[in-house]
Amino acid sequence: MKKGYFIVLEGPDRSGKSTQAALLKKHLESKNYQVTITREPGGTHLSEQIRKILLDPKSNIEPMTELFLYETSRIKHTLEKIIPALKSKKVVICDRYTLSTVAYQGYGRGLDLKTVKTLNTIATLGLKPDLTIVFDIPDKIFAQRERLAQKVFGPDRIESASAAFRKRVNNAYKILARQKGVTRIDGGSSVDEIHNEILTHVAKMLSKR
């Protein structure tokens, strides 16, 4: 089914994923690759509407309801955007995918990890990224970025959760960054250092086919 390349950037809020996704897209396009950049939750009209509900500070959503909303957004996103792009031999760069659900709804909300992973498999139709990069952010740097971002933008529903929740999520990414098939990057490095490291891993991925 898959003909293109699927790259996922993962990490806690304010870890620099969006910046690095844009830099990677620019680089790959300079090498004549066709690139689709997308995000979760989101990526399609329906998925973006679900995103608004999930991130609205006024939304009162129970953890299990939250999980199913994310998975509903994901299956629409996978079917309507990611798979067609891969079939067209494009490089898909996605800001978050299944590991975010494990980190936020599994470790963060305390939902059963087996249930989360099973629903992830269903919602993705078993699709797996060619490269998953996790930004491991030192606690001190994460806290500094979070405070600055909230002053500028204000917290959404997820970011306004308790400090204990955010700590669980950040710790979850440290665990997930060590698992097989995941590439860990020190998110505390400079933008240029992170970009260059990502390019190294992407080059290895591209050379395998």
Protein backbone atom coordinates (compact mmCIF):
# COMPACT_ATOMS: atom_id res chain seq x y z
CA MET A 1 0.00 0.00 0.00
CA LYS A 2 2.69 2.48 1.05
CA LYS A 3 4.87 3.96 -1.70
CA GLY A 4 6.03 7.26 -0.22
CA TYR A 5 7.74 7.95 3.11
CA PHE A 6 5.98 8.61 6.39
CA ILE A 7 7.88 10.69 8.98
CA VAL A 8 6.40 11.52 12.38
CA LEU A 9 7.72 14.11 14.83
CA GLU A 10 6.71 13.52 18.44
CA GLY A 11 7.26 15.29 21.74
CA PRO A 12 5.55 17.33 24.47
CA ASP A 13 3.97 20.70 23.79
CA ARG A 14 6.41 23.47 22.90
CA SER A 15 9.15 21.00 21.97
CA GLY A 16 9.82 22.56 18.55
CA LYS A 17 8.11 19.97 16.35
CA SER A 18 6.32 22.46 14.11
CA THR A 19 9.50 24.46 13.49
CA GLN A 20 11.44 21.33 12.58
CA ALA A 21 8.65 20.00 10.37
CA ALA A 22 8.72 23.21 8.33
CA LEU A 23 12.52 23.13 8.03
CA LEU A 24 12.47 19.49 6.95
CA LYS A 25 9.79 20.17 4.34
CA LYS A 26 11.86 23.00 2.87
CA HIS A 27 14.96 20.80 2.71
CA LEU A 28 13.22 17.86 1.08
CA GLU A 29 11.53 20.06 -1.48
CA SER A 30 14.94 21.48 -2.39
CA LYS A 31 15.90 17.87 -3.20
CA ASN A 32 12.86 17.55 -5.49
CA TYR A 33 10.72 15.45 -3.16
CA GLN A 34 6.99 16.10 -3.07
CA VAL A 35 6.09 16.77 0.55
CA THR A 36 2.83 16.86 2.49
CA ILE A 37 3.01 18.37 5.95
CA THR A 38 0.16 17.70 8.36
CA ARG A 39 -0.67 17.42 12.05
CA GLU A 40 -2.71 15.59 14.65
CA PRO A 41 -5.31 16.11 15.73
CA GLY A 42 -6.25 17.66 12.40
CA GLY A 43 -5.27 17.34 8.78
CA THR A 44 -8.78 17.10 7.31
CA HIS A 45 -11.90 19.25 7.67
CA LEU A 46 -13.58 16.86 10.11
CA SER A 47 -10.36 16.25 12.04
CA GLU A 48 -9.76 19.99 12.42
CA GLN A 49 -13.29 20.40 13.82
CA ILE A 50 -12.55 17.66 16.35
CA ARG A 51 -9.28 19.46 17.18
CA LYS A 52 -11.21 22.60 18.08
CA ILE A 53 -13.40 20.63 20.48
CA LEU A 54 -10.44 18.85 22.06
CA LEU A 55 -8.39 22.01 22.62
CA ASP A 56 -11.23 24.33 23.65
CA PRO A 57 -10.67 25.21 27.33
CA LYS A 58 -14.46 25.27 27.76
CA SER A 59 -14.85 21.63 26.67
CA ASN A 60 -15.57 19.25 29.55
CA ILE A 61 -14.33 15.91 28.20
CA GLU A 62 -13.78 12.70 30.15
CA PRO A 63 -10.50 10.83 29.48
CA MET A 64 -12.13 7.92 27.59
CA THR A 65 -14.24 10.31 25.51
CA GLU A 66 -11.08 12.26 24.78
CA LEU A 67 -9.34 9.08 23.61
CA PHE A 68 -12.14 8.20 21.19
CA LEU A 69 -12.23 11.72 19.79
CA TYR A 70 -8.51 11.54 19.04
CA GLU A 71 -8.93 8.15 17.38
CA THR A 72 -11.91 9.36 15.33
CA SER A 73 -9.83 12.27 14.11
CA ARG A 74 -6.93 9.90 13.36
CA ILE A 75 -8.80 7.39 11.21
CA LYS A 76 -10.29 10.16 9.06
CA HIS A 77 -6.85 11.77 8.77
CA THR A 78 -5.17 8.48 7.88
CA LEU A 79 -7.76 7.48 5.28
CA GLU A 80 -8.31 10.86 3.68
CA LYS A 81 -4.88 12.47 3.75
CA ILE A 82 -1.95 10.28 4.79
CA ILE A 83 -2.58 7.12 2.77
CA PRO A 84 -3.47 8.95 -0.48
CA ALA A 85 -0.30 11.06 -0.16
CA LEU A 86 1.83 7.96 0.38
CA LYS A 87 0.24 6.23 -2.60
CA SER A 88 1.21 9.31 -4.65
CA LYS A 89 4.84 8.73 -3.60
CA LYS A 90 4.99 11.83 -1.43
CA VAL A 91 6.91 12.31 1.79
CA VAL A 92 4.41 12.85 4.58
CA ILE A 93 5.65 14.78 7.61
CA CYS A 94 3.20 14.56 10.51
CA ASP A 95 3.35 16.64 13.67
CA ARG A 96 2.21 13.95 16.18
CA TYR A 97 0.68 10.53 15.56
CA THR A 98 0.05 7.47 17.73
CA LEU A 99 2.79 8.01 20.33
CA SER A 100 1.10 11.23 21.38
CA THR A 101 -2.00 9.27 22.33
CA VAL A 102 0.10 6.84 24.34
CA ALA A 103 1.85 9.74 26.10
CA TYR A 104 -1.14 11.99 26.76
CA GLN A 105 -4.11 9.66 27.13
CA GLY A 106 -2.16 6.61 28.32
CA TYR A 107 0.51 7.89 30.68
CA GLY A 108 -1.00 11.36 31.16
CA ARG A 109 -4.66 10.50 31.74
CA GLY A 110 -3.92 7.07 33.19
CA LEU A 111 -5.93 5.07 30.64
CA ASP A 112 -5.01 1.44 30.04
CA LEU A 113 -2.01 1.36 27.69
CA LYS A 114 -3.14 -1.85 26.01
CA THR A 115 -6.50 -0.25 25.17
CA VAL A 116 -4.81 2.87 23.81
CA LYS A 117 -2.45 0.86 21.62
CA THR A 118 -5.26 -1.35 20.33
CA LEU A 119 -7.34 1.66 19.32
CA ASN A 120 -4.27 3.23 17.72
CA THR A 121 -3.82 0.15 15.54
CA ILE A 122 -7.48 0.21 14.51
CA ALA A 123 -7.49 3.94 13.75
CA THR A 124 -4.33 3.72 11.62
CA LEU A 125 -5.35 0.54 9.78
CA GLY A 126 -1.99 -0.78 10.96
CA LEU A 127 -0.06 1.97 9.16
CA LYS A 128 3.34 2.60 10.75
CA PRO A 129 5.77 5.48 10.14
CA ASP A 130 9.04 4.87 8.31
CA LEU A 131 10.70 7.18 10.83
CA THR A 132 9.47 8.34 14.23
CA ILE A 133 11.52 11.04 15.92
CA VAL A 134 10.89 11.87 19.58
CA PHE A 135 12.04 15.20 21.00
CA ASP A 136 13.29 14.53 24.52
CA ILE A 137 13.04 17.84 26.40
CA PRO A 138 14.90 18.41 29.68
CA ASP A 139 12.39 19.29 32.41
CA LYS A 140 13.89 22.72 33.10
CA ILE A 141 13.84 23.78 29.45
CA PHE A 142 10.31 22.43 28.97
CA ALA A 143 9.05 24.47 31.93
CA GLN A 144 10.70 27.63 30.60
CA ARG A 145 9.17 27.22 27.13
CA GLU A 146 5.77 26.44 28.57
CA ARG A 147 5.68 29.56 30.74
CA LEU A 148 6.74 31.76 27.83
CA ALA A 149 4.21 30.23 25.44
CA GLN A 150 1.32 30.65 27.87
CA LYS A 151 2.17 34.33 28.30
CA VAL A 152 2.10 34.84 24.55
CA PHE A 153 -0.70 32.52 23.41
CA GLY A 154 -2.57 31.36 26.51
CA PRO A 155 -3.04 27.67 27.32
CA ASP A 156 -5.46 25.44 25.42
CA ARG A 157 -7.44 22.69 27.21
CA ILE A 158 -4.56 20.20 27.16
CA GLU A 159 -1.88 22.72 28.11
CA SER A 160 -4.00 24.07 30.97
CA ALA A 161 -4.10 20.64 32.64
CA SER A 162 -2.33 20.20 35.96
CA ALA A 163 1.43 20.42 36.34
CA ALA A 164 1.39 16.77 37.44
CA PHE A 165 -0.29 15.80 34.15
CA ARG A 166 2.27 17.72 32.09
CA LYS A 167 5.10 16.11 34.05
CA ARG A 168 3.67 12.64 33.40
CA VAL A 169 3.50 13.40 29.69
CA ASN A 170 7.05 14.71 29.54
CA ASN A 171 8.29 11.64 31.45
CA ALA A 172 6.29 9.42 29.09
CA TYR A 173 8.20 10.76 26.11
CA LYS A 174 11.46 9.93 27.85
CA ILE A 175 10.23 6.33 28.13
CA LEU A 176 8.89 6.21 24.57
CA ALA A 177 12.13 7.66 23.19
CA ARG A 178 13.94 4.51 24.34
CA GLN A 179 11.65 1.99 22.70
CA LYS A 180 12.59 0.01 19.60
CA GLY A 181 11.96 1.72 16.27
CA VAL A 182 12.03 5.24 17.73
CA THR A 183 14.76 7.82 17.14
CA ARG A 184 15.53 10.06 20.12
CA ILE A 185 16.72 13.63 19.67
CA ASP A 186 17.81 16.01 22.42
CA GLY A 187 15.14 18.68 22.19
CA GLY A 188 17.22 21.01 24.32
CA SER A 189 19.73 21.54 21.51
CA SER A 190 19.65 24.53 19.15
CA VAL A 191 17.26 24.68 16.20
CA ASP A 192 20.11 24.19 13.73
CA GLU A 193 21.62 21.27 15.67
CA ILE A 194 18.26 19.50 15.82
CA HIS A 195 17.61 20.16 12.13
CA ASN A 196 20.98 18.72 11.12
CA GLU A 197 20.46 15.64 13.27
CA ILE A 198 17.02 15.08 11.74
CA LEU A 199 18.52 15.36 8.25
CA THR A 200 21.04 12.64 9.13
CA HIS A 201 18.29 10.24 10.19
CA VAL A 202 16.10 11.12 7.21
CA ALA A 203 19.01 10.47 4.83
CA LYS A 204 19.45 7.00 6.34
CA MET A 205 15.75 6.32 5.91
CA LEU A 206 15.76 7.41 2.27
CA SER A 207 18.79 5.23 1.52
CA LYS A 208 17.04 2.05 2.65
CA ARG A 209 14.78 1.84 -0.41
